[in-house]
Amino acid sequence: MKILDDDIRLVDSSIAEKTKLKSVPQYGIERLTDLLTKQNNIKQMNEYYDKKQKNLDELSIIKESLKEIKSKVISEITKSVNIEMYNYFADIYKDTRKSPTFSMDLQTYNLKRYNDRGTGSSYINLIAFDLAIFKLTKLPFLIHDSILFKNIQVPAFDNLVNIYKSFERQTFIAIDEINKFSKDTIVSLENSKVIALDEQHTLFNKNWKLDS
């Protein structure tokens, strides 16, 4: 029995000796740690790149979708503005002259006129555009100064006054004289005027023309 116990102890001792962890050089441990750290960093960088690339692809798709939507909206806006300008132009002139055309894209806009290049015609084009925008939006009021009406034909101005009257929202215009217009237009202007100025009734206490 003693011989068997001695043999078992011998075998256990041999196993313990063979499985005993030998000392590892410090350089090997540091090198292993460094490589593992680099491996993890590279892995994280790859994951970040993949995520970034995916986000960039999705962003590109979104931008293209927005661009298409903006283009459709702009197309609808320009179409609506041009229809209203055409209608107002026909009401102002009552003839076959061509109305201006409004165009717009993602970067620029333009109001193209086809009639004579006179000052009156240019201002009518602008007025027609303003009226179209006023009708299509919720702007609370519209203001046109007297300079816009100086070179406009009398019949065209008469028609303009009727258009201004058609709005339920407030429209303000300033004119230098009314006697040259039609009787109906004069009556409309007198009935709706807010203020009338002359040499006796000046906007300021001081008449700058007389006292200059």
N, C-alpha and C. Protein backbone atom coordinates (compact mmCIF):
# COMPACT_ATOMS: atom_id res chain seq x y z
N MET A 1 0.84 -1.20 0.00
CA MET A 1 0.00 0.00 0.00
C MET A 1 0.87 1.25 0.00
N LYS A 2 1.97 1.16 0.75
CA LYS A 2 2.89 2.29 0.85
C LYS A 2 3.51 2.55 -0.51
N ILE A 3 3.80 1.49 -1.23
CA ILE A 3 4.41 1.65 -2.56
C ILE A 3 3.44 2.36 -3.50
N LEU A 4 2.16 2.02 -3.40
CA LEU A 4 1.13 2.66 -4.25
C LEU A 4 1.00 4.13 -3.91
N ASP A 5 1.01 4.46 -2.61
CA ASP A 5 0.93 5.87 -2.21
C ASP A 5 2.13 6.65 -2.70
N ASP A 6 3.28 6.06 -2.64
CA ASP A 6 4.50 6.73 -3.12
C ASP A 6 4.41 7.00 -4.62
N ASP A 7 3.88 6.02 -5.37
CA ASP A 7 3.73 6.21 -6.82
C ASP A 7 2.75 7.35 -7.15
N ILE A 8 1.65 7.42 -6.37
CA ILE A 8 0.66 8.48 -6.61
C ILE A 8 1.27 9.85 -6.34
N ARG A 9 2.02 9.97 -5.23
CA ARG A 9 2.66 11.24 -4.91
C ARG A 9 3.66 11.65 -5.99
N LEU A 10 4.33 10.64 -6.54
CA LEU A 10 5.31 10.90 -7.59
C LEU A 10 4.64 11.44 -8.85
N VAL A 11 3.53 10.83 -9.17
CA VAL A 11 2.78 11.28 -10.36
C VAL A 11 2.23 12.69 -10.15
N ASP A 12 1.64 12.96 -8.98
CA ASP A 12 1.11 14.30 -8.66
C ASP A 12 2.21 15.35 -8.72
N SER A 13 3.35 14.98 -8.20
CA SER A 13 4.48 15.90 -8.20
C SER A 13 4.93 16.21 -9.62
N SER A 14 4.92 15.18 -10.47
CA SER A 14 5.33 15.37 -11.86
C SER A 14 4.34 16.25 -12.62
N ILE A 15 3.04 16.04 -12.37
CA ILE A 15 2.00 16.85 -13.02
C ILE A 15 2.11 18.30 -12.59
N ALA A 16 2.28 18.53 -11.30
CA ALA A 16 2.39 19.88 -10.77
C ALA A 16 3.59 20.60 -11.37
N GLU A 17 4.66 19.89 -11.54
CA GLU A 17 5.88 20.49 -12.07
C GLU A 17 5.70 20.89 -13.54
N LYS A 18 5.01 20.04 -14.31
CA LYS A 18 4.85 20.29 -15.73
C LYS A 18 3.83 21.40 -16.01
N THR A 19 2.84 21.54 -15.13
CA THR A 19 1.79 22.55 -15.35
C THR A 19 2.09 23.87 -14.66
N LYS A 20 3.20 23.97 -13.99
CA LYS A 20 3.56 25.19 -13.28
C LYS A 20 3.88 26.31 -14.29
N LEU A 21 3.21 27.54 -14.15
CA LEU A 21 3.43 28.67 -15.06
C LEU A 21 4.80 29.25 -14.84
N LYS A 22 5.55 29.25 -15.89
CA LYS A 22 6.90 29.82 -15.79
C LYS A 22 6.80 31.33 -15.88
N SER A 23 7.73 32.04 -15.40
CA SER A 23 7.75 33.50 -15.42
C SER A 23 7.80 34.00 -16.86
N VAL A 24 6.95 35.01 -17.18
CA VAL A 24 6.90 35.59 -18.52
C VAL A 24 7.67 36.89 -18.51
N PRO A 25 8.47 37.16 -19.51
CA PRO A 25 9.24 38.41 -19.55
C PRO A 25 8.32 39.63 -19.55
N GLN A 26 8.68 40.72 -18.86
CA GLN A 26 7.86 41.93 -18.76
C GLN A 26 7.62 42.56 -20.13
N TYR A 27 8.57 42.52 -21.03
CA TYR A 27 8.44 43.06 -22.37
C TYR A 27 7.30 42.39 -23.13
N GLY A 28 7.19 41.07 -22.94
CA GLY A 28 6.13 40.33 -23.62
C GLY A 28 4.76 40.78 -23.16
N ILE A 29 4.60 41.02 -21.88
CA ILE A 29 3.31 41.47 -21.34
C ILE A 29 2.97 42.85 -21.88
N GLU A 30 3.92 43.77 -21.88
CA GLU A 30 3.68 45.13 -22.37
C GLU A 30 3.34 45.13 -23.86
N ARG A 31 4.07 44.30 -24.60
CA ARG A 31 3.82 44.23 -26.05
C ARG A 31 2.43 43.68 -26.33
N LEU A 32 2.04 42.66 -25.57
CA LEU A 32 0.72 42.07 -25.73
C LEU A 32 -0.36 43.09 -25.40
N THR A 33 -0.18 43.84 -24.32
CA THR A 33 -1.15 44.86 -23.92
C THR A 33 -1.28 45.95 -24.98
N ASP A 34 -0.13 46.36 -25.52
CA ASP A 34 -0.11 47.40 -26.55
C ASP A 34 -0.86 46.95 -27.80
N LEU A 35 -0.63 45.73 -28.23
CA LEU A 35 -1.29 45.21 -29.42
C LEU A 35 -2.80 45.08 -29.22
N LEU A 36 -3.19 44.62 -28.03
CA LEU A 36 -4.61 44.50 -27.73
C LEU A 36 -5.29 45.87 -27.74
N THR A 37 -4.61 46.88 -27.19
CA THR A 37 -5.15 48.25 -27.18
C THR A 37 -5.32 48.78 -28.59
N LYS A 38 -4.27 48.58 -29.42
CA LYS A 38 -4.35 49.03 -30.81
C LYS A 38 -5.47 48.31 -31.56
N GLN A 39 -5.60 47.02 -31.27
CA GLN A 39 -6.66 46.25 -31.93
C GLN A 39 -8.04 46.82 -31.59
N ASN A 40 -8.25 47.14 -30.33
CA ASN A 40 -9.53 47.69 -29.90
C ASN A 40 -9.78 49.08 -30.52
N ASN A 41 -8.71 49.90 -30.57
CA ASN A 41 -8.84 51.23 -31.16
C ASN A 41 -9.20 51.15 -32.63
N ILE A 42 -8.52 50.27 -33.36
CA ILE A 42 -8.80 50.10 -34.78
C ILE A 42 -10.22 49.58 -35.00
N LYS A 43 -10.64 48.69 -34.15
CA LYS A 43 -11.98 48.16 -34.24
C LYS A 43 -13.02 49.26 -34.03
N GLN A 44 -12.77 50.11 -33.02
CA GLN A 44 -13.69 51.21 -32.75
C GLN A 44 -13.70 52.22 -33.89
N MET A 45 -12.51 52.47 -34.47
CA MET A 45 -12.43 53.39 -35.59
C MET A 45 -13.19 52.86 -36.79
N ASN A 46 -13.07 51.58 -37.03
CA ASN A 46 -13.79 50.96 -38.14
C ASN A 46 -15.31 51.07 -37.93
N GLU A 47 -15.72 50.81 -36.69
CA GLU A 47 -17.14 50.92 -36.38
C GLU A 47 -17.63 52.36 -36.56
N TYR A 48 -16.80 53.33 -36.09
CA TYR A 48 -17.15 54.74 -36.23
C TYR A 48 -17.23 55.13 -37.70
N TYR A 49 -16.29 54.67 -38.51
CA TYR A 49 -16.28 54.97 -39.94
C TYR A 49 -17.53 54.41 -40.62
N ASP A 50 -17.86 53.17 -40.27
CA ASP A 50 -19.04 52.55 -40.86
C ASP A 50 -20.30 53.34 -40.51
N LYS A 51 -20.39 53.75 -39.23
CA LYS A 51 -21.55 54.52 -38.81
C LYS A 51 -21.58 55.88 -39.51
N LYS A 52 -20.40 56.53 -39.59
CA LYS A 52 -20.32 57.82 -40.24
C LYS A 52 -20.71 57.73 -41.71
N GLN A 53 -20.20 56.71 -42.38
CA GLN A 53 -20.51 56.53 -43.79
C GLN A 53 -22.00 56.28 -43.99
N LYS A 54 -22.59 55.52 -43.10
CA LYS A 54 -24.02 55.25 -43.17
C LYS A 54 -24.81 56.54 -42.98
N ASN A 55 -24.37 57.35 -42.00
CA ASN A 55 -25.05 58.62 -41.75
C ASN A 55 -24.92 59.57 -42.94
N LEU A 56 -23.72 59.59 -43.54
CA LEU A 56 -23.50 60.45 -44.71
C LEU A 56 -24.39 60.02 -45.87
N ASP A 57 -24.52 58.73 -46.05
CA ASP A 57 -25.38 58.22 -47.12
C ASP A 57 -26.84 58.61 -46.88
N GLU A 58 -27.26 58.46 -45.62
CA GLU A 58 -28.64 58.81 -45.28
C GLU A 58 -28.85 60.32 -45.43
N LEU A 59 -27.83 61.11 -45.03
CA LEU A 59 -27.94 62.57 -45.16
C LEU A 59 -28.04 62.98 -46.62
N SER A 60 -27.28 62.31 -47.47
CA SER A 60 -27.32 62.62 -48.90
C SER A 60 -28.70 62.32 -49.47
N ILE A 61 -29.30 61.22 -49.04
CA ILE A 61 -30.64 60.86 -49.51
C ILE A 61 -31.66 61.90 -49.04
N ILE A 62 -31.52 62.34 -47.78
CA ILE A 62 -32.43 63.34 -47.23
C ILE A 62 -32.31 64.66 -47.99
N LYS A 63 -31.06 65.07 -48.27
CA LYS A 63 -30.84 66.32 -49.00
C LYS A 63 -31.48 66.28 -50.38
N GLU A 64 -31.33 65.16 -51.05
CA GLU A 64 -31.93 65.02 -52.38
C GLU A 64 -33.45 65.08 -52.31
N SER A 65 -34.00 64.44 -51.26
CA SER A 65 -35.45 64.47 -51.09
C SER A 65 -35.94 65.89 -50.83
N LEU A 66 -35.21 66.62 -49.97
CA LEU A 66 -35.57 68.00 -49.68
C LEU A 66 -35.48 68.87 -50.93
N LYS A 67 -34.44 68.63 -51.72
CA LYS A 67 -34.26 69.39 -52.95
C LYS A 67 -35.44 69.17 -53.89
N GLU A 68 -35.88 67.93 -54.01
CA GLU A 68 -37.02 67.63 -54.87
C GLU A 68 -38.29 68.29 -54.35
N ILE A 69 -38.48 68.22 -53.03
CA ILE A 69 -39.67 68.82 -52.43
C ILE A 69 -39.66 70.34 -52.64
N LYS A 70 -38.49 70.98 -52.39
CA LYS A 70 -38.38 72.42 -52.58
C LYS A 70 -38.67 72.81 -54.03
N SER A 71 -38.15 72.02 -54.97
CA SER A 71 -38.37 72.31 -56.38
C SER A 71 -39.86 72.24 -56.72
N LYS A 72 -40.55 71.25 -56.18
CA LYS A 72 -41.99 71.11 -56.43
C LYS A 72 -42.75 72.28 -55.82
N VAL A 73 -42.38 72.66 -54.61
CA VAL A 73 -43.05 73.79 -53.94
C VAL A 73 -42.82 75.08 -54.72
N ILE A 74 -41.57 75.30 -55.14
CA ILE A 74 -41.24 76.50 -55.91
C ILE A 74 -42.02 76.52 -57.22
N SER A 75 -42.13 75.37 -57.87
CA SER A 75 -42.88 75.28 -59.11
C SER A 75 -44.34 75.65 -58.90
N GLU A 76 -44.93 75.18 -57.80
CA GLU A 76 -46.32 75.49 -57.50
C GLU A 76 -46.49 76.98 -57.19
N ILE A 77 -45.51 77.54 -56.46
CA ILE A 77 -45.58 78.97 -56.12
C ILE A 77 -45.52 79.83 -57.37
N THR A 78 -44.53 79.57 -58.22
CA THR A 78 -44.38 80.37 -59.43
C THR A 78 -45.60 80.25 -60.35
N LYS A 79 -46.16 79.05 -60.42
CA LYS A 79 -47.35 78.85 -61.24
C LYS A 79 -48.52 79.68 -60.72
N SER A 80 -48.72 79.65 -59.41
CA SER A 80 -49.82 80.41 -58.80
C SER A 80 -49.62 81.91 -58.99
N VAL A 81 -48.39 82.38 -58.78
CA VAL A 81 -48.10 83.81 -58.94
C VAL A 81 -48.35 84.26 -60.37
N ASN A 82 -47.90 83.47 -61.32
CA ASN A 82 -48.07 83.84 -62.73
C ASN A 82 -49.53 83.86 -63.15
N ILE A 83 -50.32 82.93 -62.63
CA ILE A 83 -51.76 82.92 -62.93
C ILE A 83 -52.42 84.19 -62.41
N GLU A 84 -52.11 84.55 -61.17
CA GLU A 84 -52.71 85.75 -60.58
C GLU A 84 -52.22 87.01 -61.30
N MET A 85 -50.94 87.08 -61.65
CA MET A 85 -50.44 88.24 -62.38
C MET A 85 -51.13 88.37 -63.73
N TYR A 86 -51.33 87.25 -64.39
CA TYR A 86 -52.02 87.26 -65.69
C TYR A 86 -53.44 87.84 -65.54
N ASN A 87 -54.13 87.39 -64.51
CA ASN A 87 -55.50 87.86 -64.29
C ASN A 87 -55.53 89.35 -63.96
N TYR A 88 -54.62 89.79 -63.09
CA TYR A 88 -54.59 91.21 -62.73
C TYR A 88 -54.17 92.07 -63.91
N PHE A 89 -53.22 91.58 -64.69
CA PHE A 89 -52.76 92.34 -65.85
C PHE A 89 -53.91 92.53 -66.84
N ALA A 90 -54.69 91.48 -67.02
CA ALA A 90 -55.85 91.57 -67.92
C ALA A 90 -56.88 92.56 -67.39
N ASP A 91 -57.05 92.61 -66.07
CA ASP A 91 -58.01 93.55 -65.47
C ASP A 91 -57.50 94.99 -65.56
N ILE A 92 -56.20 95.17 -65.50
CA ILE A 92 -55.63 96.52 -65.52
C ILE A 92 -55.69 97.12 -66.93
N TYR A 93 -55.31 96.33 -67.93
CA TYR A 93 -55.18 96.87 -69.28
C TYR A 93 -56.35 96.54 -70.20
N LYS A 94 -57.08 95.51 -69.96
CA LYS A 94 -58.25 95.14 -70.77
C LYS A 94 -57.88 94.95 -72.25
N ASP A 95 -56.65 94.51 -72.51
CA ASP A 95 -56.26 94.26 -73.90
C ASP A 95 -55.43 92.98 -73.96
N THR A 96 -54.73 92.78 -75.05
CA THR A 96 -54.03 91.51 -75.27
C THR A 96 -52.55 91.57 -74.93
N ARG A 97 -52.09 92.66 -74.34
CA ARG A 97 -50.67 92.72 -74.02
C ARG A 97 -50.30 91.64 -73.01
N LYS A 98 -49.07 91.15 -73.13
CA LYS A 98 -48.64 89.99 -72.35
C LYS A 98 -48.22 90.40 -70.94
N SER A 99 -48.67 89.63 -69.98
CA SER A 99 -48.31 89.92 -68.58
C SER A 99 -46.89 89.47 -68.29
N PRO A 100 -46.27 90.02 -67.25
CA PRO A 100 -44.91 89.60 -66.88
C PRO A 100 -44.91 88.16 -66.39
N THR A 101 -43.73 87.57 -66.36
CA THR A 101 -43.60 86.18 -65.93
C THR A 101 -42.60 86.11 -64.77
N PHE A 102 -43.04 85.48 -63.71
CA PHE A 102 -42.18 85.31 -62.53
C PHE A 102 -41.56 83.92 -62.57
N SER A 103 -40.25 83.86 -62.39
CA SER A 103 -39.54 82.58 -62.34
C SER A 103 -38.65 82.55 -61.10
N MET A 104 -38.46 81.35 -60.57
CA MET A 104 -37.67 81.20 -59.36
C MET A 104 -37.11 79.79 -59.28
N ASP A 105 -35.89 79.66 -58.78
CA ASP A 105 -35.32 78.35 -58.48
C ASP A 105 -34.73 78.39 -57.08
N LEU A 106 -33.88 77.43 -56.76
CA LEU A 106 -33.36 77.34 -55.40
C LEU A 106 -32.38 78.46 -55.05
N GLN A 107 -31.86 79.17 -56.07
CA GLN A 107 -30.88 80.21 -55.81
C GLN A 107 -31.33 81.61 -56.25
N THR A 108 -32.12 81.72 -57.32
CA THR A 108 -32.43 83.02 -57.88
C THR A 108 -33.92 83.18 -58.18
N TYR A 109 -34.31 84.42 -58.49
CA TYR A 109 -35.67 84.68 -58.93
C TYR A 109 -35.62 85.82 -59.94
N ASN A 110 -36.65 85.93 -60.76
CA ASN A 110 -36.66 86.94 -61.81
C ASN A 110 -38.09 87.28 -62.21
N LEU A 111 -38.32 88.57 -62.47
CA LEU A 111 -39.61 89.02 -62.97
C LEU A 111 -39.39 89.57 -64.38
N LYS A 112 -39.78 88.79 -65.37
CA LYS A 112 -39.52 89.14 -66.76
C LYS A 112 -40.72 89.85 -67.37
N ARG A 113 -40.46 90.96 -68.05
CA ARG A 113 -41.53 91.71 -68.69
C ARG A 113 -41.37 91.63 -70.20
N TYR A 114 -42.50 91.69 -70.90
CA TYR A 114 -42.50 91.51 -72.35
C TYR A 114 -42.95 92.76 -73.09
N ASN A 115 -43.47 93.73 -72.37
CA ASN A 115 -44.00 94.92 -73.03
C ASN A 115 -42.92 95.99 -73.16
N ASP A 116 -43.34 97.22 -73.48
CA ASP A 116 -42.36 98.30 -73.65
C ASP A 116 -41.59 98.50 -72.35
N ARG A 117 -40.43 99.13 -72.50
CA ARG A 117 -39.53 99.31 -71.36
C ARG A 117 -39.77 100.63 -70.63
N GLY A 118 -40.91 101.25 -70.86
CA GLY A 118 -41.19 102.52 -70.20
C GLY A 118 -41.34 102.36 -68.70
N THR A 119 -41.19 103.49 -68.00
CA THR A 119 -41.28 103.46 -66.53
C THR A 119 -42.65 103.00 -66.07
N GLY A 120 -43.70 103.49 -66.73
CA GLY A 120 -45.05 103.09 -66.34
C GLY A 120 -45.28 101.61 -66.47
N SER A 121 -44.79 101.05 -67.57
CA SER A 121 -44.94 99.60 -67.78
C SER A 121 -44.17 98.82 -66.72
N SER A 122 -42.99 99.28 -66.38
CA SER A 122 -42.19 98.60 -65.35
C SER A 122 -42.91 98.60 -64.01
N TYR A 123 -43.53 99.74 -63.68
CA TYR A 123 -44.22 99.83 -62.39
C TYR A 123 -45.49 98.99 -62.38
N ILE A 124 -46.17 98.91 -63.52
CA ILE A 124 -47.36 98.07 -63.59
C ILE A 124 -46.99 96.60 -63.38
N ASN A 125 -45.87 96.19 -63.96
CA ASN A 125 -45.41 94.82 -63.76
C ASN A 125 -45.18 94.54 -62.27
N LEU A 126 -44.54 95.48 -61.61
CA LEU A 126 -44.27 95.33 -60.18
C LEU A 126 -45.56 95.33 -59.37
N ILE A 127 -46.48 96.22 -59.73
CA ILE A 127 -47.76 96.28 -59.02
C ILE A 127 -48.53 94.97 -59.19
N ALA A 128 -48.54 94.43 -60.42
CA ALA A 128 -49.23 93.16 -60.66
C ALA A 128 -48.62 92.04 -59.82
N PHE A 129 -47.30 92.05 -59.70
CA PHE A 129 -46.63 91.04 -58.87
C PHE A 129 -47.03 91.22 -57.40
N ASP A 130 -47.01 92.46 -56.92
CA ASP A 130 -47.40 92.72 -55.52
C ASP A 130 -48.83 92.27 -55.25
N LEU A 131 -49.72 92.57 -56.18
CA LEU A 131 -51.13 92.18 -56.00
C LEU A 131 -51.27 90.66 -55.94
N ALA A 132 -50.50 89.96 -56.79
CA ALA A 132 -50.55 88.49 -56.78
C ALA A 132 -50.07 87.93 -55.45
N ILE A 133 -48.96 88.46 -54.95
CA ILE A 133 -48.43 88.01 -53.66
C ILE A 133 -49.41 88.34 -52.54
N PHE A 134 -50.01 89.52 -52.61
CA PHE A 134 -50.97 89.93 -51.58
C PHE A 134 -52.17 89.00 -51.54
N LYS A 135 -52.63 88.60 -52.71
CA LYS A 135 -53.80 87.71 -52.76
C LYS A 135 -53.45 86.30 -52.27
N LEU A 136 -52.26 85.83 -52.61
CA LEU A 136 -51.89 84.43 -52.31
C LEU A 136 -51.38 84.23 -50.90
N THR A 137 -51.10 85.31 -50.19
CA THR A 137 -50.55 85.19 -48.84
C THR A 137 -51.52 85.80 -47.83
N LYS A 138 -51.08 85.80 -46.57
CA LYS A 138 -51.89 86.37 -45.50
C LYS A 138 -51.32 87.70 -45.03
N LEU A 139 -50.61 88.39 -45.90
CA LEU A 139 -50.10 89.71 -45.54
C LEU A 139 -51.26 90.60 -45.10
N PRO A 140 -51.12 91.31 -43.99
CA PRO A 140 -52.25 92.07 -43.45
C PRO A 140 -52.60 93.33 -44.24
N PHE A 141 -51.65 93.91 -44.97
CA PHE A 141 -51.95 95.11 -45.73
C PHE A 141 -50.94 95.28 -46.87
N LEU A 142 -51.30 96.15 -47.81
CA LEU A 142 -50.45 96.43 -48.98
C LEU A 142 -50.32 97.94 -49.10
N ILE A 143 -49.09 98.41 -49.35
CA ILE A 143 -48.83 99.84 -49.48
C ILE A 143 -48.12 100.11 -50.80
N HIS A 144 -48.66 101.04 -51.59
CA HIS A 144 -48.01 101.49 -52.83
C HIS A 144 -47.86 103.01 -52.78
N ASP A 145 -46.64 103.47 -53.01
CA ASP A 145 -46.36 104.90 -52.94
C ASP A 145 -46.69 105.57 -54.28
N SER A 146 -46.75 106.89 -54.26
CA SER A 146 -47.18 107.66 -55.42
C SER A 146 -46.24 107.51 -56.62
N ILE A 147 -44.97 107.22 -56.36
CA ILE A 147 -44.00 107.10 -57.46
C ILE A 147 -44.39 106.00 -58.44
N LEU A 148 -45.11 104.99 -57.97
CA LEU A 148 -45.51 103.88 -58.83
C LEU A 148 -46.58 104.29 -59.84
N PHE A 149 -47.31 105.37 -59.56
CA PHE A 149 -48.45 105.73 -60.41
C PHE A 149 -48.17 106.91 -61.34
N LYS A 150 -47.01 107.54 -61.24
CA LYS A 150 -46.73 108.77 -61.98
C LYS A 150 -46.84 108.60 -63.49
N ASN A 151 -46.36 107.47 -64.01
CA ASN A 151 -46.31 107.28 -65.46
C ASN A 151 -47.30 106.21 -65.96
N ILE A 152 -48.29 105.91 -65.15
CA ILE A 152 -49.28 104.92 -65.54
C ILE A 152 -50.45 105.61 -66.24
N GLN A 153 -50.94 105.01 -67.29
CA GLN A 153 -52.06 105.58 -68.03
C GLN A 153 -53.30 105.69 -67.14
N VAL A 154 -54.08 106.72 -67.40
CA VAL A 154 -55.27 106.99 -66.57
C VAL A 154 -56.23 105.81 -66.55
N PRO A 155 -56.60 105.22 -67.70
CA PRO A 155 -57.51 104.06 -67.64
C PRO A 155 -56.95 102.90 -66.82
N ALA A 156 -55.64 102.69 -66.91
CA ALA A 156 -55.02 101.61 -66.14
C ALA A 156 -55.13 101.90 -64.64
N PHE A 157 -54.94 103.16 -64.26
CA PHE A 157 -55.06 103.51 -62.84
C PHE A 157 -56.49 103.36 -62.36
N ASP A 158 -57.44 103.76 -63.20
CA ASP A 158 -58.86 103.59 -62.84
C ASP A 158 -59.15 102.12 -62.53
N ASN A 159 -58.63 101.25 -63.35
CA ASN A 159 -58.86 99.81 -63.14
C ASN A 159 -58.13 99.33 -61.87
N LEU A 160 -56.97 99.91 -61.62
CA LEU A 160 -56.22 99.53 -60.42
C LEU A 160 -57.00 99.86 -59.15
N VAL A 161 -57.63 101.02 -59.14
CA VAL A 161 -58.40 101.42 -57.96
C VAL A 161 -59.51 100.40 -57.68
N ASN A 162 -60.14 99.92 -58.69
CA ASN A 162 -61.19 98.89 -58.50
C ASN A 162 -60.60 97.61 -57.92
N ILE A 163 -59.37 97.27 -58.35
CA ILE A 163 -58.72 96.08 -57.81
C ILE A 163 -58.39 96.27 -56.34
N TYR A 164 -57.86 97.46 -55.99
CA TYR A 164 -57.56 97.73 -54.59
C TYR A 164 -58.82 97.61 -53.73
N LYS A 165 -59.93 98.10 -54.25
CA LYS A 165 -61.20 98.06 -53.51
C LYS A 165 -61.72 96.64 -53.32
N SER A 166 -61.28 95.71 -54.17
CA SER A 166 -61.81 94.34 -54.11
C SER A 166 -61.26 93.53 -52.93
N PHE A 167 -60.19 94.01 -52.33
CA PHE A 167 -59.60 93.28 -51.21
C PHE A 167 -60.33 93.59 -49.91
N GLU A 168 -60.50 92.57 -49.09
CA GLU A 168 -61.09 92.79 -47.77
C GLU A 168 -60.04 93.29 -46.78
N ARG A 169 -58.79 93.00 -47.06
CA ARG A 169 -57.71 93.53 -46.24
C ARG A 169 -57.37 94.96 -46.67
N GLN A 170 -56.64 95.67 -45.83
CA GLN A 170 -56.37 97.07 -46.11
C GLN A 170 -55.32 97.25 -47.21
N THR A 171 -55.59 98.19 -48.10
CA THR A 171 -54.60 98.61 -49.11
C THR A 171 -54.44 100.12 -49.01
N PHE A 172 -53.20 100.56 -48.96
CA PHE A 172 -52.90 101.98 -48.83
C PHE A 172 -52.15 102.44 -50.09
N ILE A 173 -52.62 103.54 -50.69
CA ILE A 173 -51.90 104.12 -51.82
C ILE A 173 -51.76 105.62 -51.59
N ALA A 174 -50.69 106.19 -52.13
CA ALA A 174 -50.47 107.63 -52.07
C ALA A 174 -50.41 108.15 -53.50
N ILE A 175 -51.16 109.19 -53.78
CA ILE A 175 -51.17 109.77 -55.13
C ILE A 175 -51.00 111.28 -55.01
N ASP A 176 -50.48 111.90 -56.07
CA ASP A 176 -50.20 113.34 -56.05
C ASP A 176 -51.40 114.18 -56.49
N GLU A 177 -52.24 113.63 -57.36
CA GLU A 177 -53.41 114.36 -57.84
C GLU A 177 -54.49 113.37 -58.27
N ILE A 178 -55.73 113.82 -58.21
CA ILE A 178 -56.83 112.91 -58.57
C ILE A 178 -57.73 113.47 -59.67
N ASN A 179 -57.61 114.75 -59.99
CA ASN A 179 -58.53 115.37 -60.93
C ASN A 179 -58.44 114.79 -62.34
N LYS A 180 -57.33 114.18 -62.70
CA LYS A 180 -57.18 113.64 -64.06
C LYS A 180 -57.85 112.28 -64.23
N PHE A 181 -58.29 111.67 -63.15
CA PHE A 181 -58.89 110.35 -63.24
C PHE A 181 -60.39 110.44 -63.52
N SER A 182 -61.01 109.27 -63.74
CA SER A 182 -62.44 109.25 -64.04
C SER A 182 -63.25 109.68 -62.82
N LYS A 183 -64.51 110.05 -63.07
CA LYS A 183 -65.38 110.51 -61.99
C LYS A 183 -65.55 109.42 -60.93
N ASP A 184 -65.77 108.18 -61.36
CA ASP A 184 -65.96 107.09 -60.41
C ASP A 184 -64.72 106.88 -59.56
N THR A 185 -63.56 107.00 -60.18
CA THR A 185 -62.31 106.82 -59.43
C THR A 185 -62.13 107.94 -58.41
N ILE A 186 -62.43 109.16 -58.82
CA ILE A 186 -62.31 110.30 -57.89
C ILE A 186 -63.23 110.11 -56.69
N VAL A 187 -64.45 109.68 -56.95
CA VAL A 187 -65.42 109.44 -55.85
C VAL A 187 -64.89 108.35 -54.92
N SER A 188 -64.37 107.28 -55.49
CA SER A 188 -63.85 106.18 -54.67
C SER A 188 -62.69 106.65 -53.80
N LEU A 189 -61.79 107.43 -54.40
CA LEU A 189 -60.64 107.93 -53.64
C LEU A 189 -61.06 108.89 -52.53
N GLU A 190 -62.03 109.77 -52.85
CA GLU A 190 -62.49 110.73 -51.84
C GLU A 190 -63.18 110.01 -50.68
N ASN A 191 -63.96 109.00 -51.01
CA ASN A 191 -64.70 108.28 -49.96
C ASN A 191 -63.80 107.43 -49.07
N SER A 192 -62.67 107.00 -49.60
CA SER A 192 -61.81 106.10 -48.82
C SER A 192 -60.52 106.75 -48.32
N LYS A 193 -60.36 108.04 -48.58
CA LYS A 193 -59.11 108.69 -48.18
C LYS A 193 -58.98 108.77 -46.67
N VAL A 194 -57.77 108.73 -46.21
CA VAL A 194 -57.47 108.85 -44.78
C VAL A 194 -56.92 110.22 -44.47
N ILE A 195 -56.10 110.72 -45.39
CA ILE A 195 -55.50 112.03 -45.19
C ILE A 195 -55.29 112.68 -46.55
N ALA A 196 -55.48 114.01 -46.62
CA ALA A 196 -55.26 114.78 -47.84
C ALA A 196 -54.38 115.97 -47.49
N LEU A 197 -53.32 116.16 -48.23
CA LEU A 197 -52.36 117.22 -47.95
C LEU A 197 -52.33 118.24 -49.08
N ASP A 198 -52.17 119.50 -48.72
CA ASP A 198 -51.97 120.58 -49.68
C ASP A 198 -51.14 121.66 -49.01
N GLU A 199 -51.07 122.84 -49.62
CA GLU A 199 -50.22 123.90 -49.06
C GLU A 199 -50.72 124.36 -47.70
N GLN A 200 -52.02 124.27 -47.47
CA GLN A 200 -52.57 124.68 -46.18
C GLN A 200 -52.56 123.52 -45.17
N HIS A 201 -52.68 122.32 -45.67
CA HIS A 201 -52.72 121.15 -44.80
C HIS A 201 -51.47 120.30 -45.07
N THR A 202 -50.43 120.58 -44.34
CA THR A 202 -49.14 119.90 -44.54
C THR A 202 -48.99 118.75 -43.54
N LEU A 203 -48.11 117.86 -43.87
CA LEU A 203 -47.88 116.70 -43.00
C LEU A 203 -47.18 117.12 -41.72
N PHE A 204 -46.32 118.14 -41.82
CA PHE A 204 -45.60 118.64 -40.65
C PHE A 204 -46.02 120.09 -40.38
N ASN A 205 -45.74 120.58 -39.20
CA ASN A 205 -46.09 121.96 -38.85
C ASN A 205 -45.36 122.96 -39.73
N LYS A 206 -44.19 122.59 -40.20
CA LYS A 206 -43.37 123.49 -41.01
C LYS A 206 -43.50 123.11 -42.49
N ASN A 207 -43.79 124.09 -43.34
CA ASN A 207 -43.83 123.83 -44.78
C ASN A 207 -42.41 124.03 -45.31
N TRP A 208 -41.74 122.93 -45.59
CA TRP A 208 -40.33 122.99 -45.95
C TRP A 208 -40.10 123.68 -47.30
N LYS A 209 -41.07 123.59 -48.19
CA LYS A 209 -40.92 124.23 -49.49
C LYS A 209 -40.93 125.76 -49.37
N LEU A 210 -41.83 126.26 -48.53
CA LEU A 210 -41.95 127.70 -48.38
C LEU A 210 -40.88 128.30 -47.48
N ASP A 211 -40.45 127.53 -46.47
CA ASP A 211 -39.52 128.08 -45.48
C ASP A 211 -38.07 127.71 -45.75
N SER A 212 -37.79 127.00 -46.85
CA SER A 212 -36.42 126.59 -47.10
C SER A 212 -35.59 127.76 -47.64
